[in-house]
Amino acid sequence: MSTESGALFFLDTNIFVYALLASEPPKKQRALQLVEQALASHRGCVSYQVIQEFANVATRKFAQRFTTDQCKQFIDAAMQPLNRVASSPQLLNAALDLQAETRYSFYDSLVIAAALQAQADVLYTEDLQHHQLIAGTLRIVNPFLTVANEV
């Protein structure tokens, strides 16, 4: 399951979390593929919110928590090069509109709004409805569905 060659894709926080989790090898392998593809192709992107969420999870919720330096190093190497969307009043308003339309949580709506702002074609996440089309342009894809079926 690779992305179309020219398609821009947005990675949700859970992709980076799984890329570092040894406890779920099939998901880890798929997540690593996506992160590597994002960095190598320059077609992957994230938002500042995704980076913030990752930092919170990595330093507070991992079984082996990242140190501050480890977290900074990972973010600098794997996430900042993909960061295309900063926080803004426009992004906040778009997220609120999406929340009203989709009934997703505010933070999920913020991820969707960022993916739309980045003009991504695909949003990789396991948190939202697989194959849903948002605003006629953004397809939500759970990259772990085939992984779960293969195990």
C-alpha atoms as a PDB file:
ATOM      1  CA  MET A   1       0.000   0.000   0.000  1.00  0.00           C
ATOM      2  CA  SER A   2       2.128   2.862  -1.209  1.00  0.00           C
ATOM      3  CA  THR A   3       0.898   6.299  -2.061  1.00  0.00           C
ATOM      4  CA  GLU A   4       0.427   7.453  -5.619  1.00  0.00           C
ATOM      5  CA  SER A   5       3.700   8.889  -6.895  1.00  0.00           C
ATOM      6  CA  GLY A   6       2.529  12.487  -7.127  1.00  0.00           C
ATOM      7  CA  ALA A   7       0.039  12.474  -4.276  1.00  0.00           C
ATOM      8  CA  LEU A   8       0.720  14.629  -1.246  1.00  0.00           C
ATOM      9  CA  PHE A   9      -0.012  12.788   2.000  1.00  0.00           C
ATOM     10  CA  PHE A  10      -0.471  13.899   5.595  1.00  0.00           C
ATOM     11  CA  LEU A  11       0.681  11.761   8.522  1.00  0.00           C
ATOM     12  CA  ASP A  12      -1.265  11.810  11.790  1.00  0.00           C
ATOM     13  CA  THR A  13       0.488  11.500  15.144  1.00  0.00           C
ATOM     14  CA  ASN A  14      -0.225   7.791  15.488  1.00  0.00           C
ATOM     15  CA  ILE A  15       1.975   7.021  12.472  1.00  0.00           C
ATOM     16  CA  PHE A  16       5.032   8.397  14.295  1.00  0.00           C
ATOM     17  CA  VAL A  17       4.062   6.682  17.545  1.00  0.00           C
ATOM     18  CA  TYR A  18       3.772   3.273  15.860  1.00  0.00           C
ATOM     19  CA  ALA A  19       7.065   3.851  14.040  1.00  0.00           C
ATOM     20  CA  LEU A  20       8.736   3.737  17.451  1.00  0.00           C
ATOM     21  CA  LEU A  21       6.716   0.991  19.173  1.00  0.00           C
ATOM     22  CA  ALA A  22       8.397  -2.401  19.365  1.00  0.00           C
ATOM     23  CA  SER A  23       5.246  -3.948  20.858  1.00  0.00           C
ATOM     24  CA  GLU A  24       3.391  -4.006  17.514  1.00  0.00           C
ATOM     25  CA  PRO A  25       5.894  -5.114  14.827  1.00  0.00           C
ATOM     26  CA  PRO A  26       3.501  -5.143  11.803  1.00  0.00           C
ATOM     27  CA  LYS A  27       2.226  -1.630  12.586  1.00  0.00           C
ATOM     28  CA  LYS A  28       5.757  -0.451  13.318  1.00  0.00           C
ATOM     29  CA  GLN A  29       6.977  -1.701   9.932  1.00  0.00           C
ATOM     30  CA  ARG A  30       4.114  -0.035   8.043  1.00  0.00           C
ATOM     31  CA  ALA A  31       4.520   3.232   9.973  1.00  0.00           C
ATOM     32  CA  LEU A  32       8.273   3.274   9.315  1.00  0.00           C
ATOM     33  CA  GLN A  33       7.595   2.770   5.601  1.00  0.00           C
ATOM     34  CA  LEU A  34       5.283   5.785   5.574  1.00  0.00           C
ATOM     35  CA  VAL A  35       7.704   8.023   7.489  1.00  0.00           C
ATOM     36  CA  GLU A  36      10.628   6.984   5.283  1.00  0.00           C
ATOM     37  CA  GLN A  37       8.550   7.535   2.146  1.00  0.00           C
ATOM     38  CA  ALA A  38       7.425  10.948   3.410  1.00  0.00           C
ATOM     39  CA  LEU A  39      10.999  12.069   4.023  1.00  0.00           C
ATOM     40  CA  ALA A  40      12.487  10.570   0.850  1.00  0.00           C
ATOM     41  CA  SER A  41       9.777  11.706  -1.557  1.00  0.00           C
ATOM     42  CA  HIS A  42       9.111  15.141  -0.021  1.00  0.00           C
ATOM     43  CA  ARG A  43       5.425  14.309  -0.587  1.00  0.00           C
ATOM     44  CA  GLY A  44       4.593  13.708   3.084  1.00  0.00           C
ATOM     45  CA  CYS A  45       3.583  16.410   5.514  1.00  0.00           C
ATOM     46  CA  VAL A  46       2.484  17.111   9.077  1.00  0.00           C
ATOM     47  CA  SER A  47       1.263  20.069  11.066  1.00  0.00           C
ATOM     48  CA  TYR A  48       2.644  21.754  14.132  1.00  0.00           C
ATOM     49  CA  GLN A  49      -0.190  20.116  16.108  1.00  0.00           C
ATOM     50  CA  VAL A  50       1.026  16.635  15.112  1.00  0.00           C
ATOM     51  CA  ILE A  51       4.507  17.526  16.341  1.00  0.00           C
ATOM     52  CA  GLN A  52       3.093  18.807  19.644  1.00  0.00           C
ATOM     53  CA  GLU A  53       0.983  15.692  20.154  1.00  0.00           C
ATOM     54  CA  PHE A  54       3.961  13.462  19.393  1.00  0.00           C
ATOM     55  CA  ALA A  55       6.160  15.314  21.899  1.00  0.00           C
ATOM     56  CA  ASN A  56       3.510  14.837  24.579  1.00  0.00           C
ATOM     57  CA  VAL A  57       3.151  11.101  23.906  1.00  0.00           C
ATOM     58  CA  ALA A  58       6.898  10.448  23.546  1.00  0.00           C
ATOM     59  CA  THR A  59       7.872  12.210  26.772  1.00  0.00           C
ATOM     60  CA  ARG A  60       4.911  11.154  28.927  1.00  0.00           C
ATOM     61  CA  LYS A  61       3.253   7.979  27.635  1.00  0.00           C
ATOM     62  CA  PHE A  62       5.892   5.748  26.017  1.00  0.00           C
ATOM     63  CA  ALA A  63       6.863   2.752  28.149  1.00  0.00           C
ATOM     64  CA  GLN A  64      10.447   3.954  27.717  1.00  0.00           C
ATOM     65  CA  ARG A  65       9.866   7.692  27.670  1.00  0.00           C
ATOM     66  CA  PHE A  66      11.974   9.890  25.451  1.00  0.00           C
ATOM     67  CA  THR A  67      14.283  12.298  27.172  1.00  0.00           C
ATOM     68  CA  THR A  68      13.939  15.920  26.153  1.00  0.00           C
ATOM     69  CA  ASP A  69      17.027  15.591  23.929  1.00  0.00           C
ATOM     70  CA  GLN A  70      15.779  12.363  22.315  1.00  0.00           C
ATOM     71  CA  CYS A  71      12.449  13.994  21.585  1.00  0.00           C
ATOM     72  CA  LYS A  72      14.091  17.080  20.081  1.00  0.00           C
ATOM     73  CA  GLN A  73      16.391  14.924  17.926  1.00  0.00           C
ATOM     74  CA  PHE A  74      13.538  12.805  16.579  1.00  0.00           C
ATOM     75  CA  ILE A  75      11.369  15.841  15.857  1.00  0.00           C
ATOM     76  CA  ASP A  76      14.248  17.653  14.124  1.00  0.00           C
ATOM     77  CA  ALA A  77      15.110  14.613  11.992  1.00  0.00           C
ATOM     78  CA  ALA A  78      11.739  13.088  11.172  1.00  0.00           C
ATOM     79  CA  MET A  79       9.025  15.668  11.713  1.00  0.00           C
ATOM     80  CA  GLN A  80      10.239  19.241  11.168  1.00  0.00           C
ATOM     81  CA  PRO A  81      11.234  18.487   7.557  1.00  0.00           C
ATOM     82  CA  LEU A  82       7.591  17.485   6.958  1.00  0.00           C
ATOM     83  CA  ASN A  83       5.995  20.404   8.829  1.00  0.00           C
ATOM     84  CA  ARG A  84       3.885  22.404   6.378  1.00  0.00           C
ATOM     85  CA  VAL A  85       1.091  23.772   8.556  1.00  0.00           C
ATOM     86  CA  ALA A  86       1.491  26.167  11.484  1.00  0.00           C
ATOM     87  CA  SER A  87      -1.220  27.079  13.952  1.00  0.00           C
ATOM     88  CA  SER A  88      -3.328  30.055  12.898  1.00  0.00           C
ATOM     89  CA  PRO A  89      -6.744  31.622  13.498  1.00  0.00           C
ATOM     90  CA  GLN A  90      -7.793  30.431  10.015  1.00  0.00           C
ATOM     91  CA  LEU A  91      -6.835  26.844  10.846  1.00  0.00           C
ATOM     92  CA  LEU A  92      -8.749  27.031  14.128  1.00  0.00           C
ATOM     93  CA  ASN A  93     -11.870  28.333  12.369  1.00  0.00           C
ATOM     94  CA  ALA A  94     -11.625  25.674   9.678  1.00  0.00           C
ATOM     95  CA  ALA A  95     -11.350  22.994  12.381  1.00  0.00           C
ATOM     96  CA  LEU A  96     -14.414  24.323  14.171  1.00  0.00           C
ATOM     97  CA  ASP A  97     -16.375  24.277  10.896  1.00  0.00           C
ATOM     98  CA  LEU A  98     -15.222  20.710  10.197  1.00  0.00           C
ATOM     99  CA  GLN A  99     -16.156  19.633  13.710  1.00  0.00           C
ATOM    100  CA  ALA A 100     -19.703  20.909  13.153  1.00  0.00           C
ATOM    101  CA  GLU A 101     -19.896  19.186   9.738  1.00  0.00           C
ATOM    102  CA  THR A 102     -18.290  15.849  10.567  1.00  0.00           C
ATOM    103  CA  ARG A 103     -18.945  15.437  14.300  1.00  0.00           C
ATOM    104  CA  TYR A 104     -15.313  14.443  14.774  1.00  0.00           C
ATOM    105  CA  SER A 105     -13.565  15.685  17.907  1.00  0.00           C
ATOM    106  CA  PHE A 106     -12.019  19.123  17.783  1.00  0.00           C
ATOM    107  CA  TYR A 107      -8.460  17.743  17.682  1.00  0.00           C
ATOM    108  CA  ASP A 108      -9.300  15.278  14.903  1.00  0.00           C
ATOM    109  CA  SER A 109     -10.961  18.122  13.026  1.00  0.00           C
ATOM    110  CA  LEU A 110      -7.807  20.200  13.499  1.00  0.00           C
ATOM    111  CA  VAL A 111      -5.747  17.422  11.880  1.00  0.00           C
ATOM    112  CA  ILE A 112      -8.199  17.253   8.973  1.00  0.00           C
ATOM    113  CA  ALA A 113      -8.157  21.044   8.579  1.00  0.00           C
ATOM    114  CA  ALA A 114      -4.344  20.996   8.518  1.00  0.00           C
ATOM    115  CA  ALA A 115      -4.297  18.237   5.900  1.00  0.00           C
ATOM    116  CA  LEU A 116      -6.717  20.262   3.776  1.00  0.00           C
ATOM    117  CA  GLN A 117      -4.629  23.426   4.231  1.00  0.00           C
ATOM    118  CA  ALA A 118      -1.527  21.492   3.131  1.00  0.00           C
ATOM    119  CA  GLN A 119      -3.520  20.387   0.070  1.00  0.00           C
ATOM    120  CA  ALA A 120      -2.869  16.738   0.896  1.00  0.00           C
ATOM    121  CA  ASP A 121      -4.668  14.095  -1.152  1.00  0.00           C
ATOM    122  CA  VAL A 122      -4.498  11.451   1.605  1.00  0.00           C
ATOM    123  CA  LEU A 123      -4.593  11.601   5.405  1.00  0.00           C
ATOM    124  CA  TYR A 124      -3.021   8.519   6.978  1.00  0.00           C
ATOM    125  CA  THR A 125      -4.551   7.819  10.393  1.00  0.00           C
ATOM    126  CA  GLU A 126      -6.230   4.995  12.250  1.00  0.00           C
ATOM    127  CA  ASP A 127      -8.455   7.386  14.187  1.00  0.00           C
ATOM    128  CA  LEU A 128     -10.995   8.361  11.531  1.00  0.00           C
ATOM    129  CA  GLN A 129     -13.397   6.703   9.085  1.00  0.00           C
ATOM    130  CA  HIS A 130     -11.407   4.680   6.533  1.00  0.00           C
ATOM    131  CA  HIS A 131     -11.936   5.819   2.913  1.00  0.00           C
ATOM    132  CA  GLN A 132     -14.038   8.835   3.896  1.00  0.00           C
ATOM    133  CA  LEU A 133     -13.679  11.721   1.460  1.00  0.00           C
ATOM    134  CA  ILE A 134     -13.517  15.174   3.070  1.00  0.00           C
ATOM    135  CA  ALA A 135     -14.236  18.354   1.083  1.00  0.00           C
ATOM    136  CA  GLY A 136     -14.153  16.331  -2.125  1.00  0.00           C
ATOM    137  CA  THR A 137     -10.342  16.211  -2.116  1.00  0.00           C
ATOM    138  CA  LEU A 138      -8.954  14.530   1.013  1.00  0.00           C
ATOM    139  CA  ARG A 139      -9.205  10.752   1.396  1.00  0.00           C
ATOM    140  CA  ILE A 140      -8.807   9.285   4.888  1.00  0.00           C
ATOM    141  CA  VAL A 141      -6.832   6.032   4.837  1.00  0.00           C
ATOM    142  CA  ASN A 142      -6.097   3.680   7.720  1.00  0.00           C
ATOM    143  CA  PRO A 143      -2.733   2.226   6.660  1.00  0.00           C
ATOM    144  CA  PHE A 144      -2.933  -0.484   9.310  1.00  0.00           C
ATOM    145  CA  LEU A 145      -6.087  -2.265   8.115  1.00  0.00           C
ATOM    146  CA  THR A 146      -4.248  -4.583   5.756  1.00  0.00           C
ATOM    147  CA  VAL A 147      -1.531  -5.071   8.384  1.00  0.00           C
ATOM    148  CA  ALA A 148      -4.162  -6.213  10.902  1.00  0.00           C
ATOM    149  CA  ASN A 149      -5.679  -8.584   8.363  1.00  0.00           C
ATOM    150  CA  GLU A 150      -2.309 -10.122   7.541  1.00  0.00           C
ATOM    151  CA  VAL A 151      -1.497 -11.035  11.156  1.00  0.00           C
END
